Protein backbone atom coordinates (compact mmCIF):
# COMPACT_ATOMS: atom_id res chain seq x y z
CA MET A 1 110.25 -60.43 133.62
CA THR A 2 112.91 -59.89 130.90
CA ASP A 3 113.36 -61.03 127.43
CA THR A 4 115.67 -63.68 128.30
CA ASP A 5 112.85 -65.28 130.37
CA VAL A 6 110.87 -65.76 127.30
CA VAL A 7 111.25 -69.38 125.88
CA LEU A 8 108.35 -69.34 123.39
CA GLU A 9 106.86 -66.29 121.62
CA VAL A 10 104.10 -66.20 119.15
CA ARG A 11 103.69 -63.30 116.68
CA ASP A 12 100.64 -62.43 114.59
CA LEU A 13 100.07 -66.37 114.05
CA ALA A 14 97.44 -67.34 111.46
CA LYS A 15 96.28 -70.64 109.88
CA SER A 16 93.67 -70.82 107.22
CA TYR A 17 92.25 -73.75 105.38
CA PRO A 18 90.62 -73.54 101.95
CA VAL A 19 86.79 -74.47 101.66
CA ARG A 20 86.36 -76.38 98.36
CA ARG A 21 83.19 -77.43 96.68
CA GLY A 22 82.57 -79.72 93.65
CA ILE A 23 83.03 -83.33 92.96
CA VAL A 24 85.51 -83.50 89.97
CA LEU A 25 86.62 -79.89 89.56
CA LYS A 26 86.74 -78.71 93.09
CA ARG A 27 86.96 -74.86 93.47
CA GLU A 28 87.93 -72.81 96.31
CA VAL A 29 84.80 -71.04 97.74
CA GLY A 30 86.24 -69.65 101.00
CA THR A 31 88.47 -70.04 103.94
CA VAL A 32 88.34 -71.22 107.41
CA LYS A 33 90.34 -69.01 109.69
CA ALA A 34 91.09 -71.43 112.55
CA VAL A 35 93.86 -69.11 114.03
CA ASP A 36 93.57 -65.46 113.14
CA GLY A 37 96.53 -63.26 114.35
CA VAL A 38 97.34 -64.79 117.61
CA SER A 39 100.18 -63.51 119.67
CA LEU A 40 101.40 -64.86 123.11
CA THR A 41 104.45 -65.29 125.17
CA LEU A 42 105.45 -68.17 127.29
CA HIS A 43 108.10 -67.54 130.10
CA ARG A 44 110.88 -69.99 131.20
CA GLY A 45 109.48 -72.26 134.03
CA LYS A 46 105.91 -70.81 133.81
CA THR A 47 102.60 -72.14 132.80
CA LEU A 48 100.38 -70.20 130.36
CA GLY A 49 96.77 -71.47 130.47
CA LEU A 50 94.97 -71.31 127.12
CA VAL A 51 91.09 -71.18 127.59
CA GLY A 52 88.24 -71.22 125.12
CA GLU A 53 85.28 -73.34 124.01
CA SER A 54 85.47 -76.14 121.49
CA GLY A 55 86.10 -74.52 118.09
CA SER A 56 87.99 -71.63 119.42
CA GLY A 57 91.19 -72.66 117.63
CA LYS A 58 93.19 -73.95 120.65
CA SER A 59 94.14 -77.26 119.36
CA THR A 60 95.03 -75.86 116.00
CA LEU A 61 97.42 -73.31 117.74
CA ALA A 62 98.96 -76.42 119.49
CA LYS A 63 99.59 -78.14 116.26
CA LEU A 64 101.16 -75.04 114.73
CA LEU A 65 103.50 -74.84 117.85
CA VAL A 66 104.68 -78.48 117.49
CA GLY A 67 105.12 -78.33 113.80
CA VAL A 68 102.40 -80.61 112.71
CA GLU A 69 100.72 -77.63 110.79
CA LYS A 70 102.53 -74.85 109.11
CA PRO A 71 101.26 -71.43 109.61
CA THR A 72 99.71 -69.27 106.93
CA ARG A 73 101.44 -66.24 108.47
CA GLY A 74 103.18 -65.27 111.55
CA GLN A 75 106.20 -66.24 113.67
CA ILE A 76 106.83 -68.91 116.17
CA LEU A 77 110.07 -68.08 118.13
CA VAL A 78 111.83 -70.64 120.33
CA ASP A 79 114.50 -68.85 122.47
CA GLY A 80 114.25 -66.03 119.88
CA VAL A 81 114.81 -68.22 116.89
CA ASP A 82 111.93 -68.28 114.27
CA VAL A 83 111.00 -71.96 113.80
CA SER A 84 107.74 -71.17 111.73
CA ASP A 85 109.12 -72.38 108.54
CA LEU A 86 111.68 -74.91 109.07
CA GLY A 87 112.62 -77.70 106.81
CA ARG A 88 112.11 -81.57 107.72
CA ALA A 89 115.39 -82.00 109.50
CA ALA A 90 114.95 -78.88 111.56
CA ARG A 91 111.51 -79.66 112.54
CA ARG A 92 112.55 -83.02 113.69
CA ARG A 93 115.19 -81.27 115.96
CA LEU A 94 112.58 -78.85 117.23
CA ARG A 95 110.55 -81.91 118.70
CA GLY A 96 113.43 -82.28 120.92
CA THR A 97 112.53 -78.85 122.41
CA ILE A 98 108.85 -78.93 122.17
CA GLN A 99 106.61 -81.91 123.04
CA MET A 100 102.90 -82.50 123.31
CA VAL A 101 100.85 -84.22 125.76
CA PHE A 102 97.48 -85.35 124.17
CA GLN A 103 93.93 -85.00 125.50
CA ASP A 104 92.70 -88.60 125.16
CA PRO A 105 94.90 -91.26 126.76
CA TYR A 106 92.90 -93.85 125.20
CA THR A 107 93.58 -93.23 121.55
CA SER A 108 96.83 -91.39 121.84
CA LEU A 109 98.70 -94.67 122.72
CA ASN A 110 99.28 -97.42 120.30
CA PRO A 111 97.48 -100.56 121.56
CA ARG A 112 99.81 -102.99 119.87
CA MET A 113 102.99 -101.64 121.57
CA SER A 114 104.05 -102.23 125.13
CA VAL A 115 104.59 -99.37 127.30
CA GLY A 116 108.36 -99.83 127.17
CA GLU A 117 108.03 -99.58 123.32
CA ILE A 118 105.86 -96.53 123.55
CA VAL A 119 108.17 -94.53 125.73
CA GLY A 120 111.23 -95.98 124.25
CA GLU A 121 110.25 -95.18 120.65
CA ALA A 122 111.47 -91.60 121.24
CA PHE A 123 114.94 -92.86 121.79
CA ALA A 124 114.93 -94.80 118.51
CA ILE A 125 113.94 -91.66 116.63
CA HIS A 126 116.23 -89.28 118.62
CA PRO A 127 119.07 -91.48 119.52
CA GLU A 128 121.05 -88.54 120.74
CA ALA A 129 118.67 -88.19 123.67
CA THR A 130 119.34 -91.60 124.98
CA PRO A 131 121.08 -91.51 128.29
CA ASP A 132 124.34 -93.15 129.05
CA GLY A 133 122.73 -96.07 130.85
CA GLY A 134 120.96 -97.20 127.71
CA ARG A 135 117.31 -97.25 126.39
CA ASP A 136 115.79 -99.94 128.74
CA LYS A 137 117.10 -98.23 131.99
CA ALA A 138 115.90 -94.85 130.67
CA VAL A 139 112.35 -96.10 130.13
CA ARG A 140 112.25 -97.57 133.59
CA GLU A 141 113.50 -94.31 135.18
CA LEU A 142 110.82 -92.35 133.30
CA LEU A 143 108.03 -94.69 134.34
CA ASP A 144 109.25 -94.29 137.91
CA ARG A 145 109.51 -90.45 137.51
CA VAL A 146 105.70 -90.22 136.42
CA GLY A 147 104.56 -92.50 139.32
CA LEU A 148 104.28 -95.94 137.45
CA ASN A 149 105.74 -99.20 138.49
CA PRO A 150 108.84 -99.72 136.27
CA ASP A 151 108.29 -103.66 136.31
CA HIS A 152 105.15 -102.94 134.13
CA VAL A 153 107.33 -101.95 131.34
CA HIS A 154 105.96 -105.07 129.15
CA ARG A 155 102.22 -104.36 129.78
CA TYR A 156 100.01 -102.87 127.07
CA PRO A 157 97.86 -99.71 127.37
CA HIS A 158 94.43 -101.68 127.88
CA GLN A 159 95.99 -103.04 131.10
CA PHE A 160 96.12 -99.39 132.73
CA SER A 161 93.63 -97.01 133.97
CA GLY A 162 92.85 -93.63 132.28
CA GLY A 163 95.20 -91.82 134.73
CA GLN A 164 97.82 -94.32 134.31
CA ARG A 165 97.76 -93.99 130.49
CA GLN A 166 97.87 -90.26 130.66
CA ARG A 167 101.12 -90.73 132.83
CA ILE A 168 102.61 -92.99 130.06
CA GLY A 169 101.79 -90.16 127.73
CA ILE A 170 103.60 -87.69 129.86
CA ALA A 171 106.56 -90.01 130.29
CA ARG A 172 106.70 -90.38 126.48
CA ALA A 173 106.89 -86.65 126.04
CA LEU A 174 109.53 -86.33 128.51
CA ALA A 175 111.74 -88.95 126.95
CA VAL A 176 113.73 -86.42 124.69
CA ARG A 177 114.14 -84.02 127.50
CA PRO A 178 112.08 -81.17 126.14
CA ARG A 179 111.91 -77.63 127.62
CA ILE A 180 108.34 -77.02 126.53
CA LEU A 181 105.31 -79.08 126.92
CA ILE A 182 102.18 -78.29 125.13
CA CYS A 183 99.29 -79.94 127.15
CA ASP A 184 96.29 -80.18 124.95
CA GLU A 185 93.46 -80.59 127.64
CA PRO A 186 95.43 -83.26 129.48
CA VAL A 187 92.87 -83.83 132.12
CA SER A 188 89.47 -83.32 130.56
CA ALA A 189 89.00 -87.10 129.68
CA LEU A 190 89.72 -88.04 133.22
CA ASP A 191 87.64 -88.49 136.36
CA VAL A 192 87.70 -85.46 138.58
CA SER A 193 89.35 -87.58 141.26
CA ILE A 194 92.42 -88.32 138.93
CA GLN A 195 92.55 -84.77 137.37
CA GLY A 196 94.09 -83.40 140.64
CA GLN A 197 96.75 -86.19 140.67
CA VAL A 198 97.84 -85.59 137.16
CA ILE A 199 98.02 -81.75 137.59
CA ASN A 200 100.10 -82.21 140.83
CA LEU A 201 102.43 -84.53 138.76
CA LEU A 202 102.84 -81.78 136.13
CA GLU A 203 103.68 -79.21 138.76
CA GLU A 204 106.26 -81.59 140.41
CA LEU A 205 107.79 -82.15 137.07
CA GLN A 206 107.89 -78.48 136.30
CA ASP A 207 109.63 -77.72 139.68
CA ASP A 208 112.17 -80.51 139.16
CA LEU A 209 112.97 -79.97 135.46
CA GLY A 210 112.28 -76.32 134.85
CA LEU A 211 109.53 -77.10 132.23
CA SER A 212 107.42 -74.39 130.61
CA TYR A 213 103.89 -75.33 129.91
CA LEU A 214 101.10 -74.19 127.45
CA PHE A 215 98.16 -75.76 129.29
CA ILE A 216 95.09 -75.78 127.10
CA ALA A 217 91.70 -76.35 128.71
CA HIS A 218 88.05 -75.23 128.48
CA ASP A 219 87.72 -75.35 132.50
CA LEU A 220 88.79 -72.19 134.06
CA SER A 221 88.89 -73.95 137.50
CA VAL A 222 91.50 -76.46 136.35
CA VAL A 223 93.54 -73.48 134.75
CA ARG A 224 93.49 -71.26 137.81
CA HIS A 225 95.11 -74.14 139.88
CA ILE A 226 97.95 -74.45 137.47
CA ALA A 227 98.58 -71.49 135.41
CA ASP A 228 100.69 -68.29 136.16
CA GLU A 229 99.22 -66.47 133.18
CA VAL A 230 95.95 -66.93 131.22
CA ALA A 231 95.08 -66.20 127.64
CA VAL A 232 91.36 -66.36 126.50
CA MET A 233 90.50 -67.57 122.89
CA TYR A 234 87.50 -67.03 120.85
CA LEU A 235 86.83 -67.85 117.25
CA GLY A 236 90.49 -67.99 116.39
CA ARG A 237 91.45 -64.79 118.24
CA MET A 238 92.80 -63.85 121.58
CA VAL A 239 90.21 -61.78 123.50
CA GLU A 240 92.08 -61.38 126.87
CA THR A 241 95.55 -62.14 128.31
CA GLY A 242 97.17 -61.54 131.59
CA ARG A 243 98.48 -62.90 134.94
CA ASP A 244 96.00 -65.26 136.52
CA ALA A 245 94.97 -62.97 139.36
CA GLU A 246 94.47 -60.07 137.02
CA VAL A 247 92.24 -61.99 134.67
CA TYR A 248 90.08 -63.70 137.32
CA GLU A 249 89.64 -60.72 139.70
CA HIS A 250 89.60 -57.92 137.19
CA THR A 251 88.09 -59.63 134.27
CA GLY A 252 88.17 -57.29 131.06
CA HIS A 253 86.17 -59.25 128.49
CA PRO A 254 82.45 -60.38 128.72
CA TYR A 255 83.34 -63.84 127.12
CA THR A 256 85.89 -64.46 129.99
CA ARG A 257 83.23 -63.45 132.63
CA ALA A 258 80.76 -65.89 130.94
CA LEU A 259 83.36 -68.77 131.08
CA MET A 260 84.14 -67.96 134.77
CA SER A 261 80.32 -68.12 135.62
CA ALA A 262 80.02 -71.54 134.44
CA VAL A 263 82.72 -72.71 136.99
CA PRO A 264 80.99 -74.48 140.09
CA VAL A 265 81.32 -72.45 143.22
CA PRO A 266 81.92 -74.73 146.44
CA ASP A 267 80.89 -71.68 148.91
CA PRO A 268 77.30 -71.87 149.37
CA THR A 269 76.95 -68.24 150.25
CA LEU A 270 78.21 -67.34 146.70
CA ARG A 271 75.94 -69.76 144.81
CA ASP A 272 73.29 -67.20 144.24
CA ARG A 273 75.64 -65.06 142.08
CA ARG A 274 74.46 -64.29 138.59
CA GLU A 275 75.19 -67.04 136.07
CA ILE A 276 75.86 -65.75 132.52
CA VAL A 277 74.46 -68.09 129.87
CA LEU A 278 75.81 -67.77 126.36
CA GLU A 279 73.11 -68.05 123.90
CA GLY A 280 73.53 -69.93 120.63
CA ASP A 281 76.59 -71.64 119.31
CA MET A 282 79.95 -70.19 118.34
CA PRO A 283 79.69 -68.89 114.73
CA SER A 284 81.47 -70.61 111.91
CA PRO A 285 85.18 -69.60 111.46
CA SER A 286 84.33 -69.66 107.66
CA ASP A 287 82.06 -66.86 107.97
CA PRO A 288 82.77 -64.98 111.28
CA PRO A 289 80.63 -61.93 112.45
CA SER A 290 81.83 -58.50 111.53
CA GLY A 291 83.34 -56.23 113.99
CA CYS A 292 83.78 -57.84 117.36
CA HIS A 293 83.40 -61.60 116.79
CA PHE A 294 81.62 -62.04 120.11
CA HIS A 295 78.80 -59.61 119.57
CA THR A 296 76.39 -62.14 118.29
CA ARG A 297 76.38 -63.67 121.67
CA CYS A 298 77.60 -60.95 123.96
CA TRP A 299 75.55 -60.48 127.25
CA LEU A 300 77.05 -57.07 128.06
CA ALA A 301 76.24 -55.20 124.70
CA PRO A 302 72.59 -55.26 125.00
CA THR A 303 72.78 -53.52 128.45
CA LEU A 304 74.99 -50.60 126.90
CA ALA A 305 72.92 -50.01 123.82
CA ASP A 306 70.62 -47.19 122.86
CA PRO A 307 67.41 -48.63 121.51
CA ALA A 308 66.77 -45.20 119.65
CA SER A 309 70.10 -45.31 117.56
CA ASP A 310 71.84 -48.59 117.88
CA GLU A 311 71.56 -51.65 115.90
CA VAL A 312 69.49 -54.78 116.35
CA ARG A 313 71.11 -58.39 116.15
CA ALA A 314 69.45 -61.56 115.11
CA ASP A 315 67.99 -62.31 118.46
CA GLY A 316 66.21 -58.87 118.54
CA ALA A 317 68.53 -57.35 121.05
CA HIS A 318 69.88 -53.82 120.59
CA ILE A 319 73.80 -53.62 120.53
CA PRO A 320 76.12 -50.66 120.11
CA SER A 321 77.03 -49.90 116.58
CA VAL A 322 80.56 -50.00 117.46
CA CYS A 323 80.42 -53.79 118.36
CA ARG A 324 79.05 -54.64 114.90
CA HIS A 325 81.32 -52.70 112.82
CA ASP A 326 84.77 -52.16 114.61
CA SER A 327 86.91 -55.08 115.66
CA PRO A 328 88.45 -54.29 118.97
CA LYS A 329 92.26 -54.68 119.53
CA LEU A 330 93.82 -56.09 122.68
CA ALA A 331 94.47 -52.99 124.86
CA PRO A 332 95.87 -52.57 128.43
CA GLN A 333 93.46 -52.60 131.43
CA GLU A 334 94.48 -51.49 134.93
CA SER A 335 97.85 -53.30 134.51
CA PRO A 336 99.87 -52.89 131.26
CA ASP A 337 100.33 -56.74 131.16
CA HIS A 338 96.64 -57.30 131.41
CA LEU A 339 95.04 -56.90 127.91
CA ALA A 340 91.47 -57.27 126.74
CA ALA A 341 89.80 -57.00 123.30
CA CYS A 342 86.58 -55.18 124.15
CA HIS A 343 85.16 -51.75 123.40
CA PHE A 344 83.67 -51.70 126.88
CA ALA A 345 86.23 -53.68 128.95
CA LEU A 346 85.79 -51.32 131.96
CA ASP A 347 82.12 -52.00 131.92
CA THR A 348 82.80 -55.78 132.17
CA ALA A 349 85.37 -55.17 134.90
CA ARG A 350 82.66 -53.22 137.20
CA ARG A 351 80.14 -55.95 136.83
């Protein structure tokens, strides 16, 4: 793909929050690095799946991209233009390009507003986006496009199911005719039977409207269904990126391999495969581990350590010294577009 295919590019993006203590005279005692030097590229008409556990920084990254939060450093480029430090008026225009579909369809819709008011509110804020036929006609067309009955325009959110509410959220995001949708776990709060319907709707809209998606999830099976490229995030950093087939078939990072092993396998002949269980919780972003952030939970490192010379971590396992002291950078694997941040990525790929 060429540079002209890139609709959204993130360069070395970071977001830190101060940690303050004290009742009256609060003093800063540290920082929480929610996003720490993230770079990614979203291509026109494609879907980039962003995966990671809760607390990895995915939702904070989404807020940075839509302008809800301002980055501590780094750049956000939309069609090559840096939008990371825009004024209020420019941020308002940006929302006509980038919109967000939220995780919870129950709390992201105002219960006191009808569906017509929720979807049509975008036209009140961005009158330039209102089609020639007028606001009411546009709202009805949007509801029909996402598979809802346009005659239900006067109903309220509590009168719809969870899947229907998420369709309302999608219609609201489409109202200003964006080119990029940030989908923050849009199906995780839905029943499995409904998840497929919503994903199919998103794919249909992408084909019809040429949309580009950043699809955030913690379920790799969902991401595999919809994404063209995959990025894996751990403790504020990218640990692996690449095209979906490369990441799934030639996994380069042990964290990605652990996430993949948690995906249920429908084939009974494959169910005896080794399941990798990550021990403990993700460390606090206010006090991340030295070296490789994943070394405190890594299942691969103890298998490569030399007990006679390497170091011992908190659980008593020996790990290579390089994992504790040196932070690995994203490096090309078998394909130049497949990157992994692991000192022993080739060992991960062989297992």
